[in-house]
Amino acid sequence: MQPVNDLKLRSKTFALNIIKLVKSLPEDRIGRVLGNQILRSGTSVAANYRSACKARSIADFISKITVVEEEADETTLWLELIMESGTLNDDFTQLLHKEANELTAILTSSGKTAKQNSSKKK
């Protein structure tokens, strides 16, 4: 049970840090567009992970965890665009980028394991 709770907390902390990042973006057109995109995908990681934890079947879990993986990967892209465009490139943003990559890897692994376990049961 502990790893699920750890990942729930980790994804929630990630979402809260995305909110902090968005607050620090410039209030120009680029900052607003990038902020809106990353706010949606970054907070979605936590919300959709919680939904995956409540899956009613392995197939439902696989479907939901895939969405979480996609949202984490999309957040990675927005962080890269924020940094590479020069919009914001500080230690905090770089740490968030690292965390987004780690979450994506964990979620990808979780989905693969669930698929393997599902195919073994058939």
C-alpha atoms as a PDB file:
ATOM      1  CA  MET A   1       0.000   0.000   0.000  1.00  0.00           C
ATOM      2  CA  GLN A   2       2.800   2.418   0.779  1.00  0.00           C
ATOM      3  CA  PRO A   3       4.061   2.936  -2.824  1.00  0.00           C
ATOM      4  CA  VAL A   4       0.564   3.961  -3.997  1.00  0.00           C
ATOM      5  CA  ASN A   5       0.283   6.503  -1.194  1.00  0.00           C
ATOM      6  CA  ASP A   6       3.811   7.737  -1.918  1.00  0.00           C
ATOM      7  CA  LEU A   7       2.945   8.288  -5.564  1.00  0.00           C
ATOM      8  CA  LYS A   8      -0.333   9.976  -4.625  1.00  0.00           C
ATOM      9  CA  LEU A   9       1.586  12.416  -2.449  1.00  0.00           C
ATOM     10  CA  ARG A  10       4.363  12.827  -5.000  1.00  0.00           C
ATOM     11  CA  SER A  11       1.943  13.595  -7.834  1.00  0.00           C
ATOM     12  CA  LYS A  12      -0.007  16.024  -5.622  1.00  0.00           C
ATOM     13  CA  THR A  13       3.221  17.796  -4.628  1.00  0.00           C
ATOM     14  CA  PHE A  14       4.142  17.949  -8.312  1.00  0.00           C
ATOM     15  CA  ALA A  15       0.768  19.543  -9.098  1.00  0.00           C
ATOM     16  CA  LEU A  16       1.226  22.108  -6.329  1.00  0.00           C
ATOM     17  CA  ASN A  17       4.698  22.941  -7.647  1.00  0.00           C
ATOM     18  CA  ILE A  18       3.282  23.376 -11.154  1.00  0.00           C
ATOM     19  CA  ILE A  19       0.806  25.885  -9.688  1.00  0.00           C
ATOM     20  CA  LYS A  20       3.724  27.758  -8.083  1.00  0.00           C
ATOM     21  CA  LEU A  21       5.585  27.739 -11.400  1.00  0.00           C
ATOM     22  CA  VAL A  22       2.577  29.144 -13.257  1.00  0.00           C
ATOM     23  CA  LYS A  23       2.313  31.953 -10.708  1.00  0.00           C
ATOM     24  CA  SER A  24       5.914  32.920 -11.507  1.00  0.00           C
ATOM     25  CA  LEU A  25       5.494  33.021 -15.288  1.00  0.00           C
ATOM     26  CA  PRO A  26       5.432  36.425 -16.973  1.00  0.00           C
ATOM     27  CA  GLU A  27       1.980  37.894 -17.473  1.00  0.00           C
ATOM     28  CA  ASP A  28       2.427  38.334 -21.215  1.00  0.00           C
ATOM     29  CA  ARG A  29       0.797  36.345 -24.035  1.00  0.00           C
ATOM     30  CA  ILE A  30       3.462  33.645 -24.042  1.00  0.00           C
ATOM     31  CA  GLY A  31       3.403  33.262 -20.264  1.00  0.00           C
ATOM     32  CA  ARG A  32      -0.377  32.957 -20.250  1.00  0.00           C
ATOM     33  CA  VAL A  33      -0.505  30.384 -23.050  1.00  0.00           C
ATOM     34  CA  LEU A  34       2.315  28.246 -21.618  1.00  0.00           C
ATOM     35  CA  GLY A  35       0.887  28.666 -18.127  1.00  0.00           C
ATOM     36  CA  ASN A  36      -2.587  27.542 -19.143  1.00  0.00           C
ATOM     37  CA  GLN A  37      -1.215  24.476 -20.928  1.00  0.00           C
ATOM     38  CA  ILE A  38       1.144  23.335 -18.183  1.00  0.00           C
ATOM     39  CA  LEU A  39      -1.401  24.074 -15.461  1.00  0.00           C
ATOM     40  CA  ARG A  40      -3.873  21.744 -17.162  1.00  0.00           C
ATOM     41  CA  SER A  41      -1.463  18.885 -17.851  1.00  0.00           C
ATOM     42  CA  GLY A  42       0.596  19.192 -14.664  1.00  0.00           C
ATOM     43  CA  THR A  43      -2.343  19.149 -12.277  1.00  0.00           C
ATOM     44  CA  SER A  44      -4.000  16.430 -14.332  1.00  0.00           C
ATOM     45  CA  VAL A  45      -1.192  14.035 -13.379  1.00  0.00           C
ATOM     46  CA  ALA A  46      -2.334  13.977  -9.742  1.00  0.00           C
ATOM     47  CA  ALA A  47      -6.060  13.946 -10.502  1.00  0.00           C
ATOM     48  CA  ASN A  48      -5.838  11.156 -13.045  1.00  0.00           C
ATOM     49  CA  TYR A  49      -3.464   9.094 -10.896  1.00  0.00           C
ATOM     50  CA  ARG A  50      -6.038   9.153  -8.107  1.00  0.00           C
ATOM     51  CA  SER A  51      -8.624   8.024 -10.612  1.00  0.00           C
ATOM     52  CA  ALA A  52      -6.349   5.159 -11.732  1.00  0.00           C
ATOM     53  CA  CYS A  53      -6.002   4.068  -8.101  1.00  0.00           C
ATOM     54  CA  LYS A  54      -9.783   3.616  -8.017  1.00  0.00           C
ATOM     55  CA  ALA A  55      -9.870   1.525 -11.212  1.00  0.00           C
ATOM     56  CA  ARG A  56     -12.487  -1.219 -11.244  1.00  0.00           C
ATOM     57  CA  SER A  57     -10.417  -3.697 -13.227  1.00  0.00           C
ATOM     58  CA  ILE A  58      -6.925  -4.217 -14.590  1.00  0.00           C
ATOM     59  CA  ALA A  59      -8.120  -3.052 -18.005  1.00  0.00           C
ATOM     60  CA  ASP A  60      -9.570   0.101 -16.444  1.00  0.00           C
ATOM     61  CA  PHE A  61      -6.300   0.701 -14.559  1.00  0.00           C
ATOM     62  CA  ILE A  62      -4.247   0.270 -17.730  1.00  0.00           C
ATOM     63  CA  SER A  63      -6.465   2.722 -19.567  1.00  0.00           C
ATOM     64  CA  LYS A  64      -6.286   5.303 -16.787  1.00  0.00           C
ATOM     65  CA  ILE A  65      -2.572   4.945 -16.046  1.00  0.00           C
ATOM     66  CA  THR A  66      -1.872   5.486 -19.749  1.00  0.00           C
ATOM     67  CA  VAL A  67      -3.669   8.843 -19.527  1.00  0.00           C
ATOM     68  CA  VAL A  68      -1.566   9.781 -16.485  1.00  0.00           C
ATOM     69  CA  GLU A  69       1.614   8.824 -18.342  1.00  0.00           C
ATOM     70  CA  GLU A  70       0.585  10.963 -21.334  1.00  0.00           C
ATOM     71  CA  GLU A  71      -0.167  13.965 -19.102  1.00  0.00           C
ATOM     72  CA  ALA A  72       3.204  13.653 -17.336  1.00  0.00           C
ATOM     73  CA  ASP A  73       4.982  13.447 -20.678  1.00  0.00           C
ATOM     74  CA  GLU A  74       3.032  16.445 -22.002  1.00  0.00           C
ATOM     75  CA  THR A  75       4.010  18.408 -18.893  1.00  0.00           C
ATOM     76  CA  THR A  76       7.634  17.564 -19.646  1.00  0.00           C
ATOM     77  CA  LEU A  77       7.217  19.133 -23.078  1.00  0.00           C
ATOM     78  CA  TRP A  78       5.711  22.342 -21.653  1.00  0.00           C
ATOM     79  CA  LEU A  79       8.565  22.589 -19.147  1.00  0.00           C
ATOM     80  CA  GLU A  80      11.069  22.179 -21.977  1.00  0.00           C
ATOM     81  CA  LEU A  81       9.343  24.910 -23.967  1.00  0.00           C
ATOM     82  CA  ILE A  82       9.292  27.214 -20.948  1.00  0.00           C
ATOM     83  CA  MET A  83      13.016  26.693 -20.380  1.00  0.00           C
ATOM     84  CA  GLU A  84      14.226  26.592 -23.980  1.00  0.00           C
ATOM     85  CA  SER A  85      12.231  29.678 -24.966  1.00  0.00           C
ATOM     86  CA  GLY A  86      13.922  31.623 -22.195  1.00  0.00           C
ATOM     87  CA  THR A  87      10.557  32.289 -20.555  1.00  0.00           C
ATOM     88  CA  LEU A  88      11.788  30.817 -17.268  1.00  0.00           C
ATOM     89  CA  ASN A  89      14.882  28.730 -16.666  1.00  0.00           C
ATOM     90  CA  ASP A  90      15.758  28.621 -12.996  1.00  0.00           C
ATOM     91  CA  ASP A  91      16.657  25.807 -10.587  1.00  0.00           C
ATOM     92  CA  PHE A  92      13.007  25.299  -9.615  1.00  0.00           C
ATOM     93  CA  THR A  93      11.925  24.826 -13.243  1.00  0.00           C
ATOM     94  CA  GLN A  94      14.787  22.413 -13.856  1.00  0.00           C
ATOM     95  CA  LEU A  95      13.852  20.395 -10.762  1.00  0.00           C
ATOM     96  CA  LEU A  96      10.243  20.239 -11.970  1.00  0.00           C
ATOM     97  CA  HIS A  97      11.481  19.024 -15.359  1.00  0.00           C
ATOM     98  CA  LYS A  98      13.498  16.284 -13.654  1.00  0.00           C
ATOM     99  CA  GLU A  99      10.464  15.279 -11.572  1.00  0.00           C
ATOM    100  CA  ALA A 100       8.226  15.210 -14.658  1.00  0.00           C
ATOM    101  CA  ASN A 101      10.700  12.859 -16.368  1.00  0.00           C
ATOM    102  CA  GLU A 102      10.859  10.623 -13.291  1.00  0.00           C
ATOM    103  CA  LEU A 103       7.077  10.499 -12.954  1.00  0.00           C
ATOM    104  CA  THR A 104       6.746   9.649 -16.648  1.00  0.00           C
ATOM    105  CA  ALA A 105       9.220   6.781 -16.240  1.00  0.00           C
ATOM    106  CA  ILE A 106       7.461   5.444 -13.124  1.00  0.00           C
ATOM    107  CA  LEU A 107       4.046   5.629 -14.772  1.00  0.00           C
ATOM    108  CA  THR A 108       5.313   4.001 -17.973  1.00  0.00           C
ATOM    109  CA  SER A 109       6.775   1.163 -15.928  1.00  0.00           C
ATOM    110  CA  SER A 110       3.547   0.799 -13.952  1.00  0.00           C
ATOM    111  CA  GLY A 111       1.512   0.568 -17.146  1.00  0.00           C
ATOM    112  CA  LYS A 112       3.872  -2.006 -18.661  1.00  0.00           C
ATOM    113  CA  THR A 113       3.766  -4.130 -15.507  1.00  0.00           C
ATOM    114  CA  ALA A 114      -0.031  -3.997 -15.442  1.00  0.00           C
ATOM    115  CA  LYS A 115      -0.177  -5.039 -19.111  1.00  0.00           C
ATOM    116  CA  GLN A 116       2.198  -7.942 -18.472  1.00  0.00           C
ATOM    117  CA  ASN A 117       0.193  -9.083 -15.449  1.00  0.00           C
ATOM    118  CA  SER A 118      -3.014  -8.789 -17.438  1.00  0.00           C
ATOM    119  CA  SER A 119      -1.696 -10.926 -20.278  1.00  0.00           C
ATOM    120  CA  LYS A 120      -0.503 -13.592 -17.802  1.00  0.00           C
ATOM    121  CA  LYS A 121      -4.049 -13.957 -16.452  1.00  0.00           C
ATOM    122  CA  LYS A 122      -5.521 -14.647 -19.892  1.00  0.00           C
END
